[in-house]
Amino acid sequence: MKTVKIRLSSIEAVRNFVEIVRKFEGDIDLSSGRYIVDAKSIMGIFSLDLMNPITLTAHSDDCDKLLESLKDYIVD
């Protein structure tokens, strides 16, 4: 399991993000405040507060590959 902060600042960014995470097996969650949604769900993502960075938690055997694929969205 790995956890990082990401930023999704546009509709296009959300669409591209979902295309990437759908390629990976395992559960990938996004959380903002007390809300947690499936990172593979566009509708779920839009229910979060995207004005601030959100937390991505990956429960996958390919965490390193996933994070490398998402490097453009990760906030340091």
PDB file of N, CA and C in Angstrom:
ATOM      1  N   MET A   1       0.847  -1.175   0.000  1.00  0.00           N
ATOM      2  CA  MET A   1       0.000   0.000   0.000  1.00  0.00           C
ATOM      3  C   MET A   1       0.894   1.241   0.000  1.00  0.00           C
ATOM      4  N   LYS A   2       0.545   2.198  -0.841  1.00  0.00           N
ATOM      5  CA  LYS A   2       1.260   3.474  -0.896  1.00  0.00           C
ATOM      6  C   LYS A   2       0.241   4.600  -0.911  1.00  0.00           C
ATOM      7  N   THR A   3       0.630   5.718  -0.301  1.00  0.00           N
ATOM      8  CA  THR A   3      -0.236   6.889  -0.235  1.00  0.00           C
ATOM      9  C   THR A   3       0.541   8.118  -0.680  1.00  0.00           C
ATOM     10  N   VAL A   4      -0.071   8.907  -1.582  1.00  0.00           N
ATOM     11  CA  VAL A   4       0.531  10.156  -2.058  1.00  0.00           C
ATOM     12  C   VAL A   4      -0.566  11.203  -2.216  1.00  0.00           C
ATOM     13  N   LYS A   5      -0.168  12.454  -2.283  1.00  0.00           N
ATOM     14  CA  LYS A   5      -1.092  13.558  -2.576  1.00  0.00           C
ATOM     15  C   LYS A   5      -1.034  13.839  -4.070  1.00  0.00           C
ATOM     16  N   ILE A   6      -2.210  14.052  -4.672  1.00  0.00           N
ATOM     17  CA  ILE A   6      -2.273  14.386  -6.092  1.00  0.00           C
ATOM     18  C   ILE A   6      -3.148  15.618  -6.292  1.00  0.00           C
ATOM     19  N   ARG A   7      -3.016  16.217  -7.461  1.00  0.00           N
ATOM     20  CA  ARG A   7      -3.866  17.352  -7.834  1.00  0.00           C
ATOM     21  C   ARG A   7      -4.457  17.060  -9.209  1.00  0.00           C
ATOM     22  N   LEU A   8      -5.775  17.187  -9.294  1.00  0.00           N
ATOM     23  CA  LEU A   8      -6.506  17.042 -10.553  1.00  0.00           C
ATOM     24  C   LEU A   8      -7.184  18.383 -10.805  1.00  0.00           C
ATOM     25  N   SER A   9      -6.581  19.196 -11.673  1.00  0.00           N
ATOM     26  CA  SER A   9      -6.996  20.596 -11.788  1.00  0.00           C
ATOM     27  C   SER A   9      -7.941  20.899 -12.944  1.00  0.00           C
ATOM     28  N   SER A  10      -8.282  19.887 -13.743  1.00  0.00           N
ATOM     29  CA  SER A  10      -9.191  20.141 -14.862  1.00  0.00           C
ATOM     30  C   SER A  10      -9.968  18.875 -15.198  1.00  0.00           C
ATOM     31  N   ILE A  11     -11.010  19.052 -15.987  1.00  0.00           N
ATOM     32  CA  ILE A  11     -11.802  17.905 -16.441  1.00  0.00           C
ATOM     33  C   ILE A  11     -10.930  16.965 -17.263  1.00  0.00           C
ATOM     34  N   GLU A  12     -10.089  17.533 -18.103  1.00  0.00           N
ATOM     35  CA  GLU A  12      -9.177  16.731 -18.930  1.00  0.00           C
ATOM     36  C   GLU A  12      -8.211  15.930 -18.054  1.00  0.00           C
ATOM     37  N   ALA A  13      -7.710  16.550 -16.994  1.00  0.00           N
ATOM     38  CA  ALA A  13      -6.796  15.855 -16.082  1.00  0.00           C
ATOM     39  C   ALA A  13      -7.495  14.674 -15.411  1.00  0.00           C
ATOM     40  N   VAL A  14      -8.745  14.865 -15.010  1.00  0.00           N
ATOM     41  CA  VAL A  14      -9.503  13.778 -14.386  1.00  0.00           C
ATOM     42  C   VAL A  14      -9.699  12.641 -15.379  1.00  0.00           C
ATOM     43  N   ARG A  15     -10.066  12.969 -16.601  1.00  0.00           N
ATOM     44  CA  ARG A  15     -10.290  11.938 -17.620  1.00  0.00           C
ATOM     45  C   ARG A  15      -9.009  11.144 -17.891  1.00  0.00           C
ATOM     46  N   ASN A  16      -7.895  11.843 -18.047  1.00  0.00           N
ATOM     47  CA  ASN A  16      -6.622  11.165 -18.298  1.00  0.00           C
ATOM     48  C   ASN A  16      -6.184  10.332 -17.097  1.00  0.00           C
ATOM     49  N   PHE A  17      -6.392  10.854 -15.899  1.00  0.00           N
ATOM     50  CA  PHE A  17      -6.060  10.135 -14.671  1.00  0.00           C
ATOM     51  C   PHE A  17      -6.832   8.812 -14.603  1.00  0.00           C
ATOM     52  N   VAL A  18      -8.128   8.862 -14.867  1.00  0.00           N
ATOM     53  CA  VAL A  18      -8.959   7.651 -14.804  1.00  0.00           C
ATOM     54  C   VAL A  18      -8.516   6.639 -15.857  1.00  0.00           C
ATOM     55  N   GLU A  19      -8.160   7.094 -17.052  1.00  0.00           N
ATOM     56  CA  GLU A  19      -7.658   6.181 -18.083  1.00  0.00           C
ATOM     57  C   GLU A  19      -6.416   5.443 -17.603  1.00  0.00           C
ATOM     58  N   ILE A  20      -5.543   6.145 -16.896  1.00  0.00           N
ATOM     59  CA  ILE A  20      -4.314   5.523 -16.389  1.00  0.00           C
ATOM     60  C   ILE A  20      -4.628   4.513 -15.296  1.00  0.00           C
ATOM     61  N   VAL A  21      -5.402   4.900 -14.281  1.00  0.00           N
ATOM     62  CA  VAL A  21      -5.626   4.004 -13.140  1.00  0.00           C
ATOM     63  C   VAL A  21      -6.452   2.781 -13.513  1.00  0.00           C
ATOM     64  N   ARG A  22      -7.279   2.872 -14.537  1.00  0.00           N
ATOM     65  CA  ARG A  22      -8.068   1.706 -14.954  1.00  0.00           C
ATOM     66  C   ARG A  22      -7.206   0.595 -15.535  1.00  0.00           C
ATOM     67  N   LYS A  23      -5.976   0.895 -15.896  1.00  0.00           N
ATOM     68  CA  LYS A  23      -5.064  -0.114 -16.444  1.00  0.00           C
ATOM     69  C   LYS A  23      -4.449  -0.990 -15.353  1.00  0.00           C
ATOM     70  N   PHE A  24      -4.630  -0.616 -14.098  1.00  0.00           N
ATOM     71  CA  PHE A  24      -3.984  -1.319 -12.993  1.00  0.00           C
ATOM     72  C   PHE A  24      -4.991  -2.133 -12.189  1.00  0.00           C
ATOM     73  N   GLU A  25      -4.540  -3.312 -11.757  1.00  0.00           N
ATOM     74  CA  GLU A  25      -5.342  -4.181 -10.898  1.00  0.00           C
ATOM     75  C   GLU A  25      -5.287  -3.653  -9.465  1.00  0.00           C
ATOM     76  N   GLY A  26      -6.205  -4.089  -8.661  1.00  0.00           N
ATOM     77  CA  GLY A  26      -6.208  -3.713  -7.247  1.00  0.00           C
ATOM     78  C   GLY A  26      -7.056  -2.483  -6.991  1.00  0.00           C
ATOM     79  N   ASP A  27      -7.231  -2.192  -5.721  1.00  0.00           N
ATOM     80  CA  ASP A  27      -8.036  -1.045  -5.311  1.00  0.00           C
ATOM     81  C   ASP A  27      -7.176   0.207  -5.267  1.00  0.00           C
ATOM     82  N   ILE A  28      -7.708   1.271  -5.841  1.00  0.00           N
ATOM     83  CA  ILE A  28      -7.056   2.576  -5.800  1.00  0.00           C
ATOM     84  C   ILE A  28      -8.126   3.557  -5.340  1.00  0.00           C
ATOM     85  N   ASP A  29      -7.887   4.183  -4.208  1.00  0.00           N
ATOM     86  CA  ASP A  29      -8.871   5.083  -3.610  1.00  0.00           C
ATOM     87  C   ASP A  29      -8.373   6.517  -3.618  1.00  0.00           C
ATOM     88  N   LEU A  30      -9.325   7.447  -3.680  1.00  0.00           N
ATOM     89  CA  LEU A  30      -9.038   8.864  -3.508  1.00  0.00           C
ATOM     90  C   LEU A  30      -9.838   9.349  -2.316  1.00  0.00           C
ATOM     91  N   SER A  31      -9.230  10.193  -1.509  1.00  0.00           N
ATOM     92  CA  SER A  31      -9.951  10.723  -0.356  1.00  0.00           C
ATOM     93  C   SER A  31      -9.709  12.217  -0.211  1.00  0.00           C
ATOM     94  N   SER A  32     -10.758  12.875   0.241  1.00  0.00           N
ATOM     95  CA  SER A  32     -10.718  14.306   0.519  1.00  0.00           C
ATOM     96  C   SER A  32     -11.576  14.517   1.754  1.00  0.00           C
ATOM     97  N   GLY A  33     -10.946  14.963   2.829  1.00  0.00           N
ATOM     98  CA  GLY A  33     -11.693  15.073   4.081  1.00  0.00           C
ATOM     99  C   GLY A  33     -12.123  13.696   4.541  1.00  0.00           C
ATOM    100  N   ARG A  34     -13.406  13.533   4.793  1.00  0.00           N
ATOM    101  CA  ARG A  34     -13.900  12.232   5.261  1.00  0.00           C
ATOM    102  C   ARG A  34     -14.490  11.381   4.138  1.00  0.00           C
ATOM    103  N   TYR A  35     -14.416  11.861   2.905  1.00  0.00           N
ATOM    104  CA  TYR A  35     -14.982  11.143   1.769  1.00  0.00           C
ATOM    105  C   TYR A  35     -13.917  10.319   1.059  1.00  0.00           C
ATOM    106  N   ILE A  36     -14.266   9.074   0.727  1.00  0.00           N
ATOM    107  CA  ILE A  36     -13.373   8.176   0.001  1.00  0.00           C
ATOM    108  C   ILE A  36     -14.136   7.637  -1.200  1.00  0.00           C
ATOM    109  N   VAL A  37     -13.500   7.701  -2.388  1.00  0.00           N
ATOM    110  CA  VAL A  37     -14.135   7.195  -3.604  1.00  0.00           C
ATOM    111  C   VAL A  37     -13.149   6.312  -4.363  1.00  0.00           C
ATOM    112  N   ASP A  38     -13.690   5.501  -5.250  1.00  0.00           N
ATOM    113  CA  ASP A  38     -12.892   4.660  -6.139  1.00  0.00           C
ATOM    114  C   ASP A  38     -12.220   5.559  -7.177  1.00  0.00           C
ATOM    115  N   ALA A  39     -10.898   5.479  -7.293  1.00  0.00           N
ATOM    116  CA  ALA A  39     -10.158   6.329  -8.230  1.00  0.00           C
ATOM    117  C   ALA A  39     -10.462   5.988  -9.686  1.00  0.00           C
ATOM    118  N   LYS A  40     -11.123   4.870  -9.929  1.00  0.00           N
ATOM    119  CA  LYS A  40     -11.464   4.471 -11.297  1.00  0.00           C
ATOM    120  C   LYS A  40     -12.830   5.005 -11.713  1.00  0.00           C
ATOM    121  N   SER A  41     -13.476   5.771 -10.832  1.00  0.00           N
ATOM    122  CA  SER A  41     -14.816   6.299 -11.073  1.00  0.00           C
ATOM    123  C   SER A  41     -14.775   7.806 -11.325  1.00  0.00           C
ATOM    124  N   ILE A  42     -15.062   8.204 -12.549  1.00  0.00           N
ATOM    125  CA  ILE A  42     -15.076   9.632 -12.880  1.00  0.00           C
ATOM    126  C   ILE A  42     -16.113  10.361 -12.031  1.00  0.00           C
ATOM    127  N   MET A  43     -17.299   9.802 -11.908  1.00  0.00           N
ATOM    128  CA  MET A  43     -18.351  10.449 -11.116  1.00  0.00           C
ATOM    129  C   MET A  43     -17.935  10.576  -9.651  1.00  0.00           C
ATOM    130  N   GLY A  44     -17.298   9.543  -9.126  1.00  0.00           N
ATOM    131  CA  GLY A  44     -16.825   9.599  -7.750  1.00  0.00           C
ATOM    132  C   GLY A  44     -15.811  10.709  -7.541  1.00  0.00           C
ATOM    133  N   ILE A  45     -14.884  10.844  -8.483  1.00  0.00           N
ATOM    134  CA  ILE A  45     -13.851  11.882  -8.376  1.00  0.00           C
ATOM    135  C   ILE A  45     -14.485  13.265  -8.362  1.00  0.00           C
ATOM    136  N   PHE A  46     -15.479  13.488  -9.218  1.00  0.00           N
ATOM    137  CA  PHE A  46     -16.107  14.805  -9.269  1.00  0.00           C
ATOM    138  C   PHE A  46     -16.946  15.118  -8.028  1.00  0.00           C
ATOM    139  N   SER A  47     -17.169  14.124  -7.165  1.00  0.00           N
ATOM    140  CA  SER A  47     -17.873  14.395  -5.911  1.00  0.00           C
ATOM    141  C   SER A  47     -16.923  14.920  -4.830  1.00  0.00           C
ATOM    142  N   LEU A  48     -15.618  14.884  -5.102  1.00  0.00           N
ATOM    143  CA  LEU A  48     -14.619  15.360  -4.142  1.00  0.00           C
ATOM    144  C   LEU A  48     -14.319  16.842  -4.352  1.00  0.00           C
ATOM    145  N   ASP A  49     -13.714  17.450  -3.354  1.00  0.00           N
ATOM    146  CA  ASP A  49     -13.255  18.842  -3.450  1.00  0.00           C
ATOM    147  C   ASP A  49     -11.927  18.852  -4.203  1.00  0.00           C
ATOM    148  N   LEU A  50     -11.961  19.200  -5.480  1.00  0.00           N
ATOM    149  CA  LEU A  50     -10.762  19.174  -6.317  1.00  0.00           C
ATOM    150  C   LEU A  50      -9.982  20.485  -6.273  1.00  0.00           C
ATOM    151  N   MET A  51     -10.428  21.436  -5.483  1.00  0.00           N
ATOM    152  CA  MET A  51      -9.709  22.707  -5.354  1.00  0.00           C
ATOM    153  C   MET A  51      -8.405  22.528  -4.570  1.00  0.00           C
ATOM    154  N   ASN A  52      -8.340  21.485  -3.774  1.00  0.00           N
ATOM    155  CA  ASN A  52      -7.163  21.191  -2.957  1.00  0.00           C
ATOM    156  C   ASN A  52      -6.596  19.831  -3.357  1.00  0.00           C
ATOM    157  N   PRO A  53      -5.326  19.569  -3.019  1.00  0.00           N
ATOM    158  CA  PRO A  53      -4.785  18.229  -3.295  1.00  0.00           C
ATOM    159  C   PRO A  53      -5.622  17.160  -2.595  1.00  0.00           C
ATOM    160  N   ILE A  54      -5.707  16.001  -3.224  1.00  0.00           N
ATOM    161  CA  ILE A  54      -6.444  14.878  -2.648  1.00  0.00           C
ATOM    162  C   ILE A  54      -5.480  13.717  -2.425  1.00  0.00           C
ATOM    163  N   THR A  55      -5.858  12.817  -1.545  1.00  0.00           N
ATOM    164  CA  THR A  55      -4.988  11.706  -1.171  1.00  0.00           C
ATOM    165  C   THR A  55      -5.324  10.475  -1.998  1.00  0.00           C
ATOM    166  N   LEU A  56      -4.307   9.905  -2.630  1.00  0.00           N
ATOM    167  CA  LEU A  56      -4.451   8.662  -3.376  1.00  0.00           C
ATOM    168  C   LEU A  56      -3.841   7.550  -2.538  1.00  0.00           C
ATOM    169  N   THR A  57      -4.600   6.480  -2.338  1.00  0.00           N
ATOM    170  CA  THR A  57      -4.106   5.298  -1.640  1.00  0.00           C
ATOM    171  C   THR A  57      -4.243   4.115  -2.583  1.00  0.00           C
ATOM    172  N   ALA A  58      -3.103   3.482  -2.886  1.00  0.00           N
ATOM    173  CA  ALA A  58      -3.087   2.355  -3.823  1.00  0.00           C
ATOM    174  C   ALA A  58      -2.857   1.060  -3.064  1.00  0.00           C
ATOM    175  N   HIS A  59      -3.758   0.102  -3.269  1.00  0.00           N
ATOM    176  CA  HIS A  59      -3.638  -1.240  -2.702  1.00  0.00           C
ATOM    177  C   HIS A  59      -3.394  -2.171  -3.884  1.00  0.00           C
ATOM    178  N   SER A  60      -2.175  -2.168  -4.383  1.00  0.00           N
ATOM    179  CA  SER A  60      -1.870  -2.884  -5.617  1.00  0.00           C
ATOM    180  C   SER A  60      -0.463  -3.459  -5.536  1.00  0.00           C
ATOM    181  N   ASP A  61      -0.246  -4.554  -6.249  1.00  0.00           N
ATOM    182  CA  ASP A  61       1.100  -5.125  -6.330  1.00  0.00           C
ATOM    183  C   ASP A  61       1.999  -4.283  -7.224  1.00  0.00           C
ATOM    184  N   ASP A  62       1.402  -3.454  -8.063  1.00  0.00           N
ATOM    185  CA  ASP A  62       2.156  -2.625  -9.006  1.00  0.00           C
ATOM    186  C   ASP A  62       2.219  -1.166  -8.565  1.00  0.00           C
ATOM    187  N   CYS A  63       2.320  -0.917  -7.274  1.00  0.00           N
ATOM    188  CA  CYS A  63       2.295   0.465  -6.764  1.00  0.00           C
ATOM    189  C   CYS A  63       3.363   1.340  -7.407  1.00  0.00           C
ATOM    190  N   ASP A  64       4.565   0.810  -7.554  1.00  0.00           N
ATOM    191  CA  ASP A  64       5.646   1.623  -8.118  1.00  0.00           C
ATOM    192  C   ASP A  64       5.364   2.000  -9.566  1.00  0.00           C
ATOM    193  N   LYS A  65       4.856   1.051 -10.351  1.00  0.00           N
ATOM    194  CA  LYS A  65       4.505   1.346 -11.750  1.00  0.00           C
ATOM    195  C   LYS A  65       3.354   2.345 -11.818  1.00  0.00           C
ATOM    196  N   LEU A  66       2.386   2.177 -10.942  1.00  0.00           N
ATOM    197  CA  LEU A  66       1.251   3.098 -10.899  1.00  0.00           C
ATOM    198  C   LEU A  66       1.720   4.516 -10.600  1.00  0.00           C
ATOM    199  N   LEU A  67       2.529   4.669  -9.572  1.00  0.00           N
ATOM    200  CA  LEU A  67       2.999   5.999  -9.192  1.00  0.00           C
ATOM    201  C   LEU A  67       3.871   6.618 -10.279  1.00  0.00           C
ATOM    202  N   GLU A  68       4.644   5.809 -10.967  1.00  0.00           N
ATOM    203  CA  GLU A  68       5.438   6.326 -12.091  1.00  0.00           C
ATOM    204  C   GLU A  68       4.519   6.835 -13.196  1.00  0.00           C
ATOM    205  N   SER A  69       3.433   6.123 -13.456  1.00  0.00           N
ATOM    206  CA  SER A  69       2.472   6.534 -14.483  1.00  0.00           C
ATOM    207  C   SER A  69       1.737   7.815 -14.097  1.00  0.00           C
ATOM    208  N   LEU A  70       1.614   8.065 -12.805  1.00  0.00           N
ATOM    209  CA  LEU A  70       0.863   9.223 -12.306  1.00  0.00           C
ATOM    210  C   LEU A  70       1.758  10.380 -11.878  1.00  0.00           C
ATOM    211  N   LYS A  71       3.028  10.344 -12.230  1.00  0.00           N
ATOM    212  CA  LYS A  71       3.987  11.352 -11.734  1.00  0.00           C
ATOM    213  C   LYS A  71       3.582  12.783 -12.063  1.00  0.00           C
ATOM    214  N   ASP A  72       2.857  12.999 -13.168  1.00  0.00           N
ATOM    215  CA  ASP A  72       2.434  14.355 -13.534  1.00  0.00           C
ATOM    216  C   ASP A  72       1.367  14.917 -12.591  1.00  0.00           C
ATOM    217  N   TYR A  73       0.702  14.046 -11.841  1.00  0.00           N
ATOM    218  CA  TYR A  73      -0.373  14.474 -10.948  1.00  0.00           C
ATOM    219  C   TYR A  73       0.057  14.551  -9.484  1.00  0.00           C
ATOM    220  N   ILE A  74       1.197  13.960  -9.158  1.00  0.00           N
ATOM    221  CA  ILE A  74       1.649  13.887  -7.768  1.00  0.00           C
ATOM    222  C   ILE A  74       2.182  15.237  -7.310  1.00  0.00           C
ATOM    223  N   VAL A  75       1.739  15.641  -6.118  1.00  0.00           N
ATOM    224  CA  VAL A  75       2.170  16.895  -5.501  1.00  0.00           C
ATOM    225  C   VAL A  75       3.228  16.549  -4.458  1.00  0.00           C
ATOM    226  N   ASP A  76       4.338  17.240  -4.475  1.00  0.00           N
ATOM    227  CA  ASP A  76       5.414  16.959  -3.501  1.00  0.00           C
ATOM    228  C   ASP A  76       5.072  17.433  -2.121  1.00  0.00           C
TER     229      ASP A  76
END
